[in-house]
Amino acid sequence: MVNAAVAMKLASLCSILPGYAARAKLDRAEVGGTLAIQLGDVRPEGAIETAGLSRVALADVAAKYFVSPGDVVFRSRGESTTAAALDDSLAEPALVILPLIILRPNPQRLDAGYLAWAINQQSAQRQLREGSQGGAMRMVAKPALAELDVPVPDLRTQRAVVEAACLAHRQRDLERGLADLRERLTGAQLAQHCESFN
């Protein structure tokens, strides 16, 4: 018999840290520089393309503002307040810039991928909307995020959920790609058919 997941407050499951507050516009580093994750790098559906991250000209930044695989980055501002887990595709620690928030789950209790998945679910998003501030440009403050209810099954179940979600996303992407190919093939066949009348 599988035990039901117990809902727990996010603050009891992980550390919640604000990203680095840049005092001025961040300049891209021509050579070297610090790998950085900014708001635009976290896609609305909750993913980060780590290969596309830019480097900024910053030095002497505290280690607490850097993330590594196993951490989660949360979009605290904007229409989409989703989260993305960092995996092994992040080859080096990256600096997180406000308004992003860093979540460091306790690995004995919570899988990072599962945490991001749970935050991105409709029930969690509804709770975050209710606790957000602002109008057109919504913002989820740290206290509201800390109060988020997260269902916590055992780690094995968490990892199974993440694997199933990844497979579902992969299936969706393949189906979209197949639909695009069919549309292009049909277009080419129709064009060829029309040309046959010339």
C-alpha atoms as a PDB file:
ATOM      1  CA  MET A   1       0.000   0.000   0.000  1.00  0.00           C
ATOM      2  CA  VAL A   2       1.392   3.413  -1.044  1.00  0.00           C
ATOM      3  CA  ASN A   3       1.421   6.085   1.632  1.00  0.00           C
ATOM      4  CA  ALA A   4      -0.333   9.318   0.700  1.00  0.00           C
ATOM      5  CA  ALA A   5       1.881  12.351   0.144  1.00  0.00           C
ATOM      6  CA  VAL A   6       1.922  14.769   3.056  1.00  0.00           C
ATOM      7  CA  ALA A   7       1.656  18.466   2.152  1.00  0.00           C
ATOM      8  CA  MET A   8       4.414  20.553   3.721  1.00  0.00           C
ATOM      9  CA  LYS A   9       5.323  24.223   3.584  1.00  0.00           C
ATOM     10  CA  LEU A  10       8.110  24.971   1.124  1.00  0.00           C
ATOM     11  CA  ALA A  11      10.171  26.745   3.797  1.00  0.00           C
ATOM     12  CA  SER A  12      10.447  23.485   5.738  1.00  0.00           C
ATOM     13  CA  LEU A  13      11.778  21.628   2.698  1.00  0.00           C
ATOM     14  CA  CYS A  14      14.434  23.925   1.292  1.00  0.00           C
ATOM     15  CA  SER A  15      16.446  27.110   1.675  1.00  0.00           C
ATOM     16  CA  ILE A  16      14.929  30.119  -0.087  1.00  0.00           C
ATOM     17  CA  LEU A  17      17.438  32.758  -1.173  1.00  0.00           C
ATOM     18  CA  PRO A  18      17.039  35.872  -3.325  1.00  0.00           C
ATOM     19  CA  GLY A  19      19.185  36.133  -6.419  1.00  0.00           C
ATOM     20  CA  TYR A  20      21.989  38.648  -6.748  1.00  0.00           C
ATOM     21  CA  ALA A  21      20.802  42.271  -6.885  1.00  0.00           C
ATOM     22  CA  ALA A  22      22.715  43.968  -9.685  1.00  0.00           C
ATOM     23  CA  ARG A  23      23.094  47.695  -9.008  1.00  0.00           C
ATOM     24  CA  ALA A  24      23.530  48.537 -12.680  1.00  0.00           C
ATOM     25  CA  LYS A  25      22.905  46.996 -16.081  1.00  0.00           C
ATOM     26  CA  LEU A  26      24.961  43.850 -16.495  1.00  0.00           C
ATOM     27  CA  ASP A  27      27.491  44.010 -19.315  1.00  0.00           C
ATOM     28  CA  ARG A  28      28.277  40.913 -21.306  1.00  0.00           C
ATOM     29  CA  ALA A  29      31.812  39.693 -20.770  1.00  0.00           C
ATOM     30  CA  GLU A  30      33.833  39.623 -23.978  1.00  0.00           C
ATOM     31  CA  VAL A  31      36.339  37.194 -22.470  1.00  0.00           C
ATOM     32  CA  GLY A  32      35.850  34.965 -19.439  1.00  0.00           C
ATOM     33  CA  GLY A  33      33.302  36.466 -17.062  1.00  0.00           C
ATOM     34  CA  THR A  34      30.720  34.868 -14.808  1.00  0.00           C
ATOM     35  CA  LEU A  35      28.070  32.484 -16.112  1.00  0.00           C
ATOM     36  CA  ALA A  36      24.678  33.984 -15.201  1.00  0.00           C
ATOM     37  CA  ILE A  37      21.014  32.984 -15.137  1.00  0.00           C
ATOM     38  CA  GLN A  38      18.607  35.876 -15.669  1.00  0.00           C
ATOM     39  CA  LEU A  39      14.816  36.084 -15.806  1.00  0.00           C
ATOM     40  CA  GLY A  40      14.663  35.616 -19.575  1.00  0.00           C
ATOM     41  CA  ASP A  41      16.689  32.407 -19.343  1.00  0.00           C
ATOM     42  CA  VAL A  42      13.907  30.584 -17.470  1.00  0.00           C
ATOM     43  CA  ARG A  43      11.216  29.676 -19.970  1.00  0.00           C
ATOM     44  CA  PRO A  44       7.567  30.074 -18.920  1.00  0.00           C
ATOM     45  CA  GLU A  45       7.020  26.294 -18.924  1.00  0.00           C
ATOM     46  CA  GLY A  46       9.852  25.905 -16.417  1.00  0.00           C
ATOM     47  CA  ALA A  47      13.069  25.010 -18.233  1.00  0.00           C
ATOM     48  CA  ILE A  48      16.532  26.485 -18.677  1.00  0.00           C
ATOM     49  CA  GLU A  49      18.639  25.980 -21.808  1.00  0.00           C
ATOM     50  CA  THR A  50      21.985  26.021 -20.037  1.00  0.00           C
ATOM     51  CA  ALA A  51      23.964  26.019 -23.290  1.00  0.00           C
ATOM     52  CA  GLY A  52      22.518  29.448 -24.110  1.00  0.00           C
ATOM     53  CA  LEU A  53      23.452  31.188 -20.866  1.00  0.00           C
ATOM     54  CA  SER A  54      25.513  34.356 -21.200  1.00  0.00           C
ATOM     55  CA  ARG A  55      28.520  35.528 -19.225  1.00  0.00           C
ATOM     56  CA  VAL A  56      28.588  38.844 -17.424  1.00  0.00           C
ATOM     57  CA  ALA A  57      31.398  41.101 -16.283  1.00  0.00           C
ATOM     58  CA  LEU A  58      31.130  40.594 -12.541  1.00  0.00           C
ATOM     59  CA  ALA A  59      33.648  39.542  -9.931  1.00  0.00           C
ATOM     60  CA  ASP A  60      33.799  38.970  -6.172  1.00  0.00           C
ATOM     61  CA  VAL A  61      30.163  37.836  -5.833  1.00  0.00           C
ATOM     62  CA  ALA A  62      29.231  35.802  -2.730  1.00  0.00           C
ATOM     63  CA  ALA A  63      28.998  32.039  -3.260  1.00  0.00           C
ATOM     64  CA  LYS A  64      25.393  31.937  -1.966  1.00  0.00           C
ATOM     65  CA  TYR A  65      24.191  33.525  -5.227  1.00  0.00           C
ATOM     66  CA  PHE A  66      25.515  30.645  -7.351  1.00  0.00           C
ATOM     67  CA  VAL A  67      23.572  27.517  -8.269  1.00  0.00           C
ATOM     68  CA  SER A  68      24.681  24.022  -9.229  1.00  0.00           C
ATOM     69  CA  PRO A  69      22.897  20.813 -10.284  1.00  0.00           C
ATOM     70  CA  GLY A  70      20.341  19.937  -7.604  1.00  0.00           C
ATOM     71  CA  ASP A  71      19.231  23.547  -7.087  1.00  0.00           C
ATOM     72  CA  VAL A  72      16.007  25.102  -8.398  1.00  0.00           C
ATOM     73  CA  VAL A  73      15.487  28.590  -9.842  1.00  0.00           C
ATOM     74  CA  PHE A  74      12.085  30.297  -9.408  1.00  0.00           C
ATOM     75  CA  ARG A  75      10.653  33.127 -11.527  1.00  0.00           C
ATOM     76  CA  SER A  76       9.269  35.482  -8.871  1.00  0.00           C
ATOM     77  CA  ARG A  77       8.075  38.164 -11.303  1.00  0.00           C
ATOM     78  CA  GLY A  78       5.946  38.249 -14.424  1.00  0.00           C
ATOM     79  CA  GLU A  79       2.928  36.460 -15.801  1.00  0.00           C
ATOM     80  CA  SER A  80       4.624  33.094 -15.413  1.00  0.00           C
ATOM     81  CA  THR A  81       5.914  32.245 -11.924  1.00  0.00           C
ATOM     82  CA  THR A  82       7.375  28.847 -12.673  1.00  0.00           C
ATOM     83  CA  ALA A  83      10.464  26.988 -11.525  1.00  0.00           C
ATOM     84  CA  ALA A  84      13.288  25.130 -13.256  1.00  0.00           C
ATOM     85  CA  ALA A  85      15.596  22.498 -11.784  1.00  0.00           C
ATOM     86  CA  LEU A  86      19.298  22.541 -12.635  1.00  0.00           C
ATOM     87  CA  ASP A  87      20.746  19.251 -13.829  1.00  0.00           C
ATOM     88  CA  ASP A  88      24.134  17.982 -14.974  1.00  0.00           C
ATOM     89  CA  SER A  89      23.903  20.023 -18.189  1.00  0.00           C
ATOM     90  CA  LEU A  90      25.072  22.951 -16.047  1.00  0.00           C
ATOM     91  CA  ALA A  91      28.809  22.378 -16.293  1.00  0.00           C
ATOM     92  CA  GLU A  92      29.844  25.072 -13.794  1.00  0.00           C
ATOM     93  CA  PRO A  93      28.182  27.111 -11.022  1.00  0.00           C
ATOM     94  CA  ALA A  94      26.029  29.956 -12.382  1.00  0.00           C
ATOM     95  CA  LEU A  95      25.162  33.288 -10.807  1.00  0.00           C
ATOM     96  CA  VAL A  96      21.411  33.838 -10.291  1.00  0.00           C
ATOM     97  CA  ILE A  97      20.164  37.402 -10.820  1.00  0.00           C
ATOM     98  CA  LEU A  98      17.073  38.916  -9.175  1.00  0.00           C
ATOM     99  CA  PRO A  99      14.099  38.724  -9.615  1.00  0.00           C
ATOM    100  CA  LEU A 100      14.951  35.022  -9.746  1.00  0.00           C
ATOM    101  CA  ILE A 101      14.919  33.187  -6.423  1.00  0.00           C
ATOM    102  CA  ILE A 102      17.166  30.264  -5.493  1.00  0.00           C
ATOM    103  CA  LEU A 103      15.623  27.156  -3.909  1.00  0.00           C
ATOM    104  CA  ARG A 104      17.991  24.608  -2.347  1.00  0.00           C
ATOM    105  CA  PRO A 105      15.984  21.510  -1.441  1.00  0.00           C
ATOM    106  CA  ASN A 106      17.069  19.133   1.293  1.00  0.00           C
ATOM    107  CA  PRO A 107      18.184  16.161  -0.885  1.00  0.00           C
ATOM    108  CA  GLN A 108      17.182  13.708   1.848  1.00  0.00           C
ATOM    109  CA  ARG A 109      13.554  14.810   1.553  1.00  0.00           C
ATOM    110  CA  LEU A 110      13.025  16.448  -1.809  1.00  0.00           C
ATOM    111  CA  ASP A 111      14.209  15.854  -5.373  1.00  0.00           C
ATOM    112  CA  ALA A 112      14.992  19.091  -7.234  1.00  0.00           C
ATOM    113  CA  GLY A 113      13.203  17.977 -10.381  1.00  0.00           C
ATOM    114  CA  TYR A 114      10.139  17.035  -8.376  1.00  0.00           C
ATOM    115  CA  LEU A 115      10.153  20.395  -6.563  1.00  0.00           C
ATOM    116  CA  ALA A 116      10.179  22.292  -9.872  1.00  0.00           C
ATOM    117  CA  TRP A 117       7.423  20.019 -11.208  1.00  0.00           C
ATOM    118  CA  ALA A 118       5.280  20.559  -8.077  1.00  0.00           C
ATOM    119  CA  ILE A 119       5.669  24.357  -8.239  1.00  0.00           C
ATOM    120  CA  ASN A 120       4.631  24.352 -11.899  1.00  0.00           C
ATOM    121  CA  GLN A 121       1.380  22.460 -11.263  1.00  0.00           C
ATOM    122  CA  GLN A 122      -1.924  24.331 -11.478  1.00  0.00           C
ATOM    123  CA  SER A 123      -2.735  23.974  -7.766  1.00  0.00           C
ATOM    124  CA  ALA A 124       0.598  25.516  -6.731  1.00  0.00           C
ATOM    125  CA  GLN A 125       0.322  28.236  -9.364  1.00  0.00           C
ATOM    126  CA  ARG A 126      -3.147  29.084  -8.075  1.00  0.00           C
ATOM    127  CA  GLN A 127      -1.815  29.432  -4.523  1.00  0.00           C
ATOM    128  CA  LEU A 128       1.070  31.593  -5.751  1.00  0.00           C
ATOM    129  CA  ARG A 129      -1.340  33.829  -7.697  1.00  0.00           C
ATOM    130  CA  GLU A 130      -3.439  34.334  -4.571  1.00  0.00           C
ATOM    131  CA  GLY A 131      -0.340  35.346  -2.597  1.00  0.00           C
ATOM    132  CA  SER A 132       1.209  37.534  -5.309  1.00  0.00           C
ATOM    133  CA  GLN A 133       1.441  41.318  -5.356  1.00  0.00           C
ATOM    134  CA  GLY A 134       1.020  43.828  -8.164  1.00  0.00           C
ATOM    135  CA  GLY A 135      -1.244  44.046 -11.181  1.00  0.00           C
ATOM    136  CA  ALA A 136      -0.003  43.449 -14.712  1.00  0.00           C
ATOM    137  CA  MET A 137       3.499  42.658 -13.475  1.00  0.00           C
ATOM    138  CA  ARG A 138       2.839  40.104 -10.743  1.00  0.00           C
ATOM    139  CA  MET A 139       5.447  39.409  -8.094  1.00  0.00           C
ATOM    140  CA  VAL A 140       5.636  36.537  -5.628  1.00  0.00           C
ATOM    141  CA  ALA A 141       7.421  37.688  -2.489  1.00  0.00           C
ATOM    142  CA  LYS A 142       9.610  35.313  -0.489  1.00  0.00           C
ATOM    143  CA  PRO A 143       7.079  34.960   2.404  1.00  0.00           C
ATOM    144  CA  ALA A 144       4.328  33.881  -0.016  1.00  0.00           C
ATOM    145  CA  LEU A 145       6.666  31.386  -1.653  1.00  0.00           C
ATOM    146  CA  ALA A 146       7.721  30.045   1.757  1.00  0.00           C
ATOM    147  CA  GLU A 147       4.059  29.283   2.563  1.00  0.00           C
ATOM    148  CA  LEU A 148       3.489  27.257  -0.606  1.00  0.00           C
ATOM    149  CA  ASP A 149       2.029  23.816   0.139  1.00  0.00           C
ATOM    150  CA  VAL A 150       4.064  21.052  -1.507  1.00  0.00           C
ATOM    151  CA  PRO A 151       2.865  17.407  -1.482  1.00  0.00           C
ATOM    152  CA  VAL A 152       5.840  15.255  -0.465  1.00  0.00           C
ATOM    153  CA  PRO A 153       5.729  11.549  -1.331  1.00  0.00           C
ATOM    154  CA  ASP A 154       8.819   9.386  -0.792  1.00  0.00           C
ATOM    155  CA  LEU A 155      11.891  10.092  -2.935  1.00  0.00           C
ATOM    156  CA  ARG A 156      11.353   7.048  -5.134  1.00  0.00           C
ATOM    157  CA  THR A 157       7.869   8.262  -6.016  1.00  0.00           C
ATOM    158  CA  GLN A 158       9.145  11.788  -6.590  1.00  0.00           C
ATOM    159  CA  ARG A 159      11.721  10.547  -9.094  1.00  0.00           C
ATOM    160  CA  ALA A 160       9.108   8.385 -10.829  1.00  0.00           C
ATOM    161  CA  VAL A 161       6.863  11.445 -11.192  1.00  0.00           C
ATOM    162  CA  VAL A 162       9.727  13.446 -12.722  1.00  0.00           C
ATOM    163  CA  GLU A 163      10.556  10.623 -15.153  1.00  0.00           C
ATOM    164  CA  ALA A 164       6.909  10.295 -16.208  1.00  0.00           C
ATOM    165  CA  ALA A 165       6.627  14.068 -16.699  1.00  0.00           C
ATOM    166  CA  CYS A 166       9.791  14.104 -18.835  1.00  0.00           C
ATOM    167  CA  LEU A 167       8.451  11.283 -20.989  1.00  0.00           C
ATOM    168  CA  ALA A 168       5.138  13.114 -21.417  1.00  0.00           C
ATOM    169  CA  HIS A 169       6.972  16.277 -22.524  1.00  0.00           C
ATOM    170  CA  ARG A 170       9.078  14.244 -24.937  1.00  0.00           C
ATOM    171  CA  GLN A 171       5.959  12.629 -26.382  1.00  0.00           C
ATOM    172  CA  ARG A 172       4.310  16.035 -26.797  1.00  0.00           C
ATOM    173  CA  ASP A 173       7.385  17.412 -28.605  1.00  0.00           C
ATOM    174  CA  LEU A 174       7.551  14.385 -30.901  1.00  0.00           C
ATOM    175  CA  GLU A 175       3.838  14.668 -31.730  1.00  0.00           C
ATOM    176  CA  ARG A 176       4.242  18.370 -32.540  1.00  0.00           C
ATOM    177  CA  GLY A 177       7.248  17.603 -34.729  1.00  0.00           C
ATOM    178  CA  LEU A 178       5.339  14.850 -36.518  1.00  0.00           C
ATOM    179  CA  ALA A 179       2.377  17.194 -37.114  1.00  0.00           C
ATOM    180  CA  ASP A 180       4.735  19.799 -38.607  1.00  0.00           C
ATOM    181  CA  LEU A 181       6.304  17.204 -40.905  1.00  0.00           C
ATOM    182  CA  ARG A 182       2.875  16.024 -42.063  1.00  0.00           C
ATOM    183  CA  GLU A 183       1.821  19.596 -42.799  1.00  0.00           C
ATOM    184  CA  ARG A 184       4.966  20.259 -44.839  1.00  0.00           C
ATOM    185  CA  LEU A 185       4.597  16.979 -46.709  1.00  0.00           C
ATOM    186  CA  THR A 186       0.973  17.750 -47.560  1.00  0.00           C
ATOM    187  CA  GLY A 187       1.982  21.232 -48.727  1.00  0.00           C
ATOM    188  CA  ALA A 188       4.710  19.825 -50.959  1.00  0.00           C
ATOM    189  CA  GLN A 189       2.331  17.223 -52.430  1.00  0.00           C
ATOM    190  CA  LEU A 190      -0.317  19.874 -53.143  1.00  0.00           C
ATOM    191  CA  ALA A 191       2.272  22.158 -54.753  1.00  0.00           C
ATOM    192  CA  GLN A 192       3.499  19.288 -56.929  1.00  0.00           C
ATOM    193  CA  HIS A 193      -0.067  18.464 -57.900  1.00  0.00           C
ATOM    194  CA  CYS A 194      -0.765  22.094 -58.895  1.00  0.00           C
ATOM    195  CA  GLU A 195       2.428  22.234 -60.944  1.00  0.00           C
ATOM    196  CA  SER A 196       1.320  19.185 -62.905  1.00  0.00           C
ATOM    197  CA  PHE A 197      -1.435  21.297 -64.525  1.00  0.00           C
ATOM    198  CA  ASN A 198       1.113  23.692 -66.064  1.00  0.00           C
END
